[in-house]
Amino acid sequence: MSVWRCKQFFKTNYKRLILLLLLVLALVAVYWFPVTRQSLSEFASGLKAEGWTALGTWLLVVGTLLAVFWQAKQQGRINSASTVMILHDRFESSVMRSYRKQLASAIISKSPIEQKDDHVLVFFETLGMLTHQRILSEDMVWNEFSWEVVRYYAAMRDQIIRLRNASHDRTLYSEGGVPFVVESLLVADWFIA
């Protein structure tokens, strides 16, 4: 199993794994410290007012932390969605359309693309880096840019390799960039096969 597949497995199943871990811990606790109704009632009746206050406070703290965590996660999703929409607007802007038109004519004429004229690749590099850093949701990026990413990468793969070799920079358009977007969003058995 590749590292990518392991990350995807944990990313999609982390809630189930946490619940499984809590269940195992609860079973271990019950095995080592058997709880009966009598021991629970003894605990509850032996607890003084200060104990109940402390227990209630801790439950309130845990509940508040869970609410804050949920709220932060929701805010992250909202920020990701608005950033994807801003990037989509930038991709569809008149300036980027002119860059895309120049790139398309260079691809069709099979003329080499220079690093100074790589605005579209830099855009996808930024998109890939933000996705790789989990600032943007892979699902949202896939939904908004999949058609473009697949086709540009297929058309530009040889050019990217040529630009890397020409600049003697093996990391050009690689670390969290265009290939990352393609590989992380498209690696599925049905697509590769």
Protein backbone atom coordinates (compact mmCIF):
# COMPACT_ATOMS: atom_id res chain seq x y z
CA MET A 1 0.00 0.00 0.00
CA SER A 2 1.45 3.33 -1.04
CA VAL A 3 1.96 6.24 1.31
CA TRP A 4 -0.72 8.17 -0.56
CA ARG A 5 -3.26 5.36 -0.07
CA CYS A 6 -2.39 5.15 3.65
CA LYS A 7 -2.91 8.90 4.02
CA GLN A 8 -6.20 8.69 2.16
CA PHE A 9 -7.33 5.75 4.31
CA PHE A 10 -6.57 7.59 7.55
CA LYS A 11 -8.01 10.83 6.21
CA THR A 12 -11.33 9.22 5.33
CA ASN A 13 -11.54 6.87 8.31
CA TYR A 14 -10.00 8.82 11.18
CA LYS A 15 -13.33 9.25 12.99
CA ARG A 16 -13.97 5.50 12.88
CA LEU A 17 -10.44 4.81 14.09
CA ILE A 18 -10.86 7.22 17.02
CA LEU A 19 -14.16 5.58 17.98
CA LEU A 20 -12.53 2.14 17.74
CA LEU A 21 -9.68 3.32 19.95
CA LEU A 22 -12.13 4.70 22.54
CA LEU A 23 -14.08 1.43 22.46
CA VAL A 24 -10.91 -0.59 23.04
CA LEU A 25 -9.90 1.71 25.90
CA ALA A 26 -13.36 1.36 27.44
CA LEU A 27 -13.17 -2.44 27.18
CA VAL A 28 -9.73 -2.46 28.78
CA ALA A 29 -10.96 -0.19 31.58
CA VAL A 30 -14.00 -2.42 32.20
CA TYR A 31 -11.79 -5.53 32.21
CA TRP A 32 -9.30 -4.08 34.69
CA PHE A 33 -11.84 -2.16 36.74
CA PRO A 34 -15.11 -4.06 36.59
CA VAL A 35 -18.01 -1.67 37.02
CA THR A 36 -21.20 -2.84 38.64
CA ARG A 37 -24.35 -0.99 39.54
CA GLN A 38 -23.39 -1.15 43.15
CA SER A 39 -19.97 0.43 42.59
CA LEU A 40 -21.52 3.19 40.49
CA SER A 41 -24.15 3.93 43.12
CA GLU A 42 -21.44 3.96 45.82
CA PHE A 43 -19.43 6.40 43.72
CA ALA A 44 -22.44 8.66 43.12
CA SER A 45 -23.60 8.62 46.74
CA GLY A 46 -20.09 9.16 48.08
CA LEU A 47 -19.51 12.23 45.90
CA LYS A 48 -19.84 15.49 47.77
CA ALA A 49 -21.13 18.76 46.33
CA GLU A 50 -17.61 19.87 45.40
CA GLY A 51 -17.09 16.62 43.50
CA TRP A 52 -20.30 17.10 41.52
CA THR A 53 -19.25 20.67 40.73
CA ALA A 54 -15.84 19.51 39.54
CA LEU A 55 -17.39 16.72 37.44
CA GLY A 56 -19.88 19.14 35.88
CA THR A 57 -17.09 21.63 35.17
CA TRP A 58 -15.00 19.01 33.39
CA LEU A 59 -17.97 17.89 31.32
CA LEU A 60 -18.60 21.51 30.39
CA VAL A 61 -14.95 21.97 29.42
CA VAL A 62 -15.00 18.87 27.21
CA GLY A 63 -18.28 19.96 25.60
CA THR A 64 -16.91 23.45 24.95
CA LEU A 65 -13.71 22.07 23.40
CA LEU A 66 -15.74 19.81 21.10
CA ALA A 67 -17.92 22.76 20.04
CA VAL A 68 -14.87 24.95 19.36
CA PHE A 69 -13.22 22.15 17.37
CA TRP A 70 -16.37 21.68 15.28
CA GLN A 71 -16.70 25.43 14.71
CA ALA A 72 -13.05 25.72 13.63
CA LYS A 73 -13.46 22.83 11.21
CA GLN A 74 -16.58 24.41 9.70
CA GLN A 75 -14.79 27.77 9.36
CA GLY A 76 -11.91 26.02 7.60
CA ARG A 77 -14.34 24.49 5.11
CA ILE A 78 -15.95 27.88 4.47
CA ASN A 79 -12.53 29.51 3.96
CA SER A 80 -11.51 26.69 1.61
CA ALA A 81 -14.68 27.11 -0.44
CA SER A 82 -14.28 30.88 -0.75
CA THR A 83 -10.60 30.53 -1.69
CA VAL A 84 -11.45 27.96 -4.37
CA MET A 85 -14.05 30.34 -5.78
CA ILE A 86 -11.55 33.22 -5.77
CA LEU A 87 -9.01 31.02 -7.56
CA HIS A 88 -11.67 29.99 -10.07
CA ASP A 89 -12.48 33.65 -10.74
CA ARG A 90 -8.77 34.34 -11.20
CA PHE A 91 -8.48 31.37 -13.58
CA GLU A 92 -11.39 32.73 -15.65
CA SER A 93 -10.14 36.35 -15.62
CA SER A 94 -9.32 38.08 -18.90
CA VAL A 95 -5.61 38.22 -18.06
CA MET A 96 -5.44 34.49 -17.33
CA ARG A 97 -7.49 33.75 -20.44
CA SER A 98 -4.88 35.55 -22.53
CA TYR A 99 -2.12 33.50 -20.84
CA ARG A 100 -4.10 30.32 -21.46
CA LYS A 101 -4.59 31.31 -25.11
CA GLN A 102 -0.83 31.84 -25.52
CA LEU A 103 -0.15 28.50 -23.85
CA ALA A 104 -2.70 26.73 -26.05
CA SER A 105 -1.14 28.12 -29.21
CA ALA A 106 2.31 27.07 -27.97
CA ILE A 107 1.04 23.55 -27.21
CA ILE A 108 -0.68 23.25 -30.60
CA SER A 109 2.38 24.51 -32.50
CA LYS A 110 4.59 22.27 -30.32
CA SER A 111 6.90 25.19 -29.58
CA PRO A 112 8.87 25.03 -26.33
CA ILE A 113 7.46 26.93 -23.40
CA GLU A 114 9.82 29.12 -21.45
CA GLN A 115 9.77 29.42 -17.69
CA LYS A 116 9.01 33.15 -17.92
CA ASP A 117 5.77 32.36 -19.80
CA ASP A 118 4.44 29.75 -17.39
CA HIS A 119 1.63 31.69 -15.73
CA VAL A 120 -0.83 28.82 -16.10
CA LEU A 121 1.65 26.34 -14.63
CA VAL A 122 2.38 28.70 -11.74
CA PHE A 123 -1.36 28.93 -11.12
CA PHE A 124 -1.61 25.14 -10.94
CA GLU A 125 1.53 25.02 -8.81
CA THR A 126 -0.13 27.38 -6.31
CA LEU A 127 -3.32 25.34 -6.43
CA GLY A 128 -1.36 22.16 -5.80
CA MET A 129 0.66 23.67 -2.96
CA LEU A 130 -2.49 24.93 -1.22
CA THR A 131 -4.09 21.51 -1.65
CA HIS A 132 -0.95 19.71 -0.46
CA GLN A 133 -0.84 21.88 2.67
CA ARG A 134 -4.54 21.06 3.24
CA ILE A 135 -5.52 24.71 3.05
CA LEU A 136 -7.88 23.78 0.23
CA SER A 137 -10.14 20.76 0.25
CA GLU A 138 -9.17 18.16 -2.36
CA ASP A 139 -12.84 17.55 -3.09
CA MET A 140 -13.50 21.23 -3.77
CA VAL A 141 -10.40 21.55 -5.95
CA TRP A 142 -11.36 18.40 -7.84
CA ASN A 143 -14.89 19.68 -8.38
CA GLU A 144 -13.76 23.08 -9.62
CA PHE A 145 -10.56 22.34 -11.57
CA SER A 146 -10.48 18.64 -12.51
CA TRP A 147 -11.26 19.13 -16.18
CA GLU A 148 -8.53 21.74 -16.62
CA VAL A 149 -5.92 20.01 -14.46
CA VAL A 150 -6.21 16.69 -16.29
CA ARG A 151 -5.98 18.18 -19.75
CA TYR A 152 -3.23 20.70 -19.05
CA TYR A 153 -1.13 18.09 -17.32
CA ALA A 154 -1.57 15.62 -20.17
CA ALA A 155 -0.60 18.31 -22.68
CA MET A 156 2.26 19.74 -20.59
CA ARG A 157 3.91 16.69 -19.02
CA ASP A 158 6.80 16.62 -21.51
CA GLN A 159 7.20 20.39 -21.33
CA ILE A 160 7.40 20.23 -17.52
CA ILE A 161 10.13 17.59 -17.74
CA ARG A 162 11.98 19.71 -20.33
CA LEU A 163 11.72 22.82 -18.12
CA ARG A 164 13.07 20.85 -15.13
CA ASN A 165 16.01 19.56 -17.14
CA ALA A 166 16.73 22.97 -18.68
CA SER A 167 16.72 24.72 -15.30
CA HIS A 168 18.55 21.85 -13.54
CA ASP A 169 15.80 22.01 -10.93
CA ARG A 170 14.16 18.65 -10.26
CA THR A 171 11.63 20.30 -7.93
CA LEU A 172 10.21 22.66 -10.57
CA TYR A 173 6.45 22.06 -10.70
CA SER A 174 6.76 19.00 -8.50
CA GLU A 175 6.54 19.66 -4.76
CA GLY A 176 2.88 20.21 -4.15
CA GLY A 177 2.29 21.48 -7.65
CA VAL A 178 0.79 20.29 -10.89
CA PRO A 179 1.79 16.61 -10.54
CA PHE A 180 0.57 16.61 -6.94
CA VAL A 181 -2.84 17.91 -7.97
CA VAL A 182 -3.07 15.31 -10.71
CA GLU A 183 -1.77 12.42 -8.62
CA SER A 184 -3.68 13.23 -5.45
CA LEU A 185 -6.93 13.96 -7.21
CA LEU A 186 -6.80 11.34 -9.93
CA VAL A 187 -5.04 8.34 -8.44
CA ALA A 188 -7.78 5.79 -8.51
CA ASP A 189 -7.62 2.24 -9.80
CA TRP A 190 -10.13 2.91 -12.57
CA PHE A 191 -8.19 5.94 -13.83
CA ILE A 192 -4.72 4.37 -13.86
CA ALA A 193 -5.83 1.05 -15.34
